[in-house]
């Protein structure tokens, strides 16, 4: 009974990389790309969210700064 010879590291790695690329190619065929109107809509939603969060952080930072300055003034007299 002859034993099957084990493949070396480079052959195994090459086969794994090849399989990875084949699987990636088959998965990319399943991708449904958004239309131009969907892309514009999604971009506007992201920009609006970024703007709202940015304003919220700016206001919070200003209020926190006033509170800290008020406390420092209160403590130092």
Protein backbone atom coordinates (compact mmCIF):
# COMPACT_ATOMS: atom_id res chain seq x y z
CA UNK A 1 0.00 0.00 0.00
CA UNK A 2 1.67 3.19 -1.19
CA UNK A 3 1.24 6.40 0.74
CA UNK A 4 0.27 9.54 -1.12
CA UNK A 5 3.12 12.04 -1.10
CA UNK A 6 2.26 15.20 0.80
CA UNK A 7 2.51 18.36 -1.26
CA UNK A 8 5.03 20.95 -0.15
CA UNK A 9 4.17 24.32 1.36
CA UNK A 10 4.45 26.29 -1.88
CA UNK A 11 2.15 23.96 -3.84
CA UNK A 12 -0.48 24.02 -1.07
CA UNK A 13 -0.25 27.81 -0.78
CA UNK A 14 -0.51 28.24 -4.55
CA UNK A 15 -3.62 26.06 -4.65
CA UNK A 16 -5.21 28.03 -1.80
CA UNK A 17 -4.49 31.36 -3.49
CA UNK A 18 -5.87 30.05 -6.78
CA UNK A 19 -9.05 28.80 -5.07
CA UNK A 20 -9.43 32.16 -3.29
CA UNK A 21 -9.30 34.07 -6.59
CA UNK A 22 -11.79 31.67 -8.24
CA UNK A 23 -14.22 32.08 -5.32
CA UNK A 24 -13.76 35.87 -5.33
CA UNK A 25 -14.53 36.00 -9.06
CA UNK A 26 -17.70 33.94 -8.62
CA UNK A 27 -18.84 36.14 -5.71
CA UNK A 28 -18.22 39.34 -7.69
CA UNK A 29 -20.54 38.03 -10.41
CA UNK A 30 -23.35 38.00 -7.81
CA UNK A 31 -22.90 41.67 -6.85
CA UNK A 32 -25.75 44.01 -7.75
CA UNK A 33 -24.28 47.46 -8.26
CA UNK A 34 -26.44 50.48 -7.34
CA UNK A 35 -27.85 52.73 -10.02
CA UNK A 36 -26.76 56.35 -10.38
CA UNK A 37 -29.88 57.65 -8.61
CA UNK A 38 -29.39 55.23 -5.71
CA UNK A 39 -25.76 56.30 -5.44
CA UNK A 40 -26.67 59.99 -5.38
CA UNK A 41 -29.41 59.35 -2.81
CA UNK A 42 -27.10 57.32 -0.57
CA UNK A 43 -24.38 59.96 -0.84
CA UNK A 44 -26.80 62.71 0.18
CA UNK A 45 -28.01 60.67 3.15
CA UNK A 46 -24.43 60.09 4.31
CA UNK A 47 -23.54 63.78 3.94
CA UNK A 48 -26.66 64.82 5.88
CA UNK A 49 -25.84 62.37 8.69
CA UNK A 50 -22.25 63.59 8.84
CA UNK A 51 -23.47 67.20 9.00
CA UNK A 52 -25.98 66.45 11.78
CA UNK A 53 -23.45 64.52 13.86
CA UNK A 54 -20.82 67.22 13.28
CA UNK A 55 -23.19 69.96 14.48
CA UNK A 56 -24.17 67.85 17.48
CA UNK A 57 -20.52 67.32 18.46
CA UNK A 58 -19.74 71.02 17.90
CA UNK A 59 -22.63 72.11 20.16
CA UNK A 60 -21.71 69.54 22.81
CA UNK A 61 -18.08 70.70 22.73
CA UNK A 62 -19.11 74.35 23.09
CA UNK A 63 -21.43 73.59 26.03
CA UNK A 64 -18.81 71.39 27.71
CA UNK A 65 -16.21 74.14 27.26
CA UNK A 66 -18.52 76.72 28.87
CA UNK A 67 -19.20 74.35 31.78
CA UNK A 68 -15.50 73.67 32.33
CA UNK A 69 -14.61 77.38 32.10
CA UNK A 70 -17.45 78.18 34.51
CA UNK A 71 -16.21 75.60 37.00
CA UNK A 72 -12.64 76.86 36.74
CA UNK A 73 -13.81 80.45 37.26
CA UNK A 74 -15.95 79.35 40.21
CA UNK A 75 -13.10 77.47 41.86
CA UNK A 76 -10.36 80.05 41.27
CA UNK A 77 -12.60 82.95 42.22
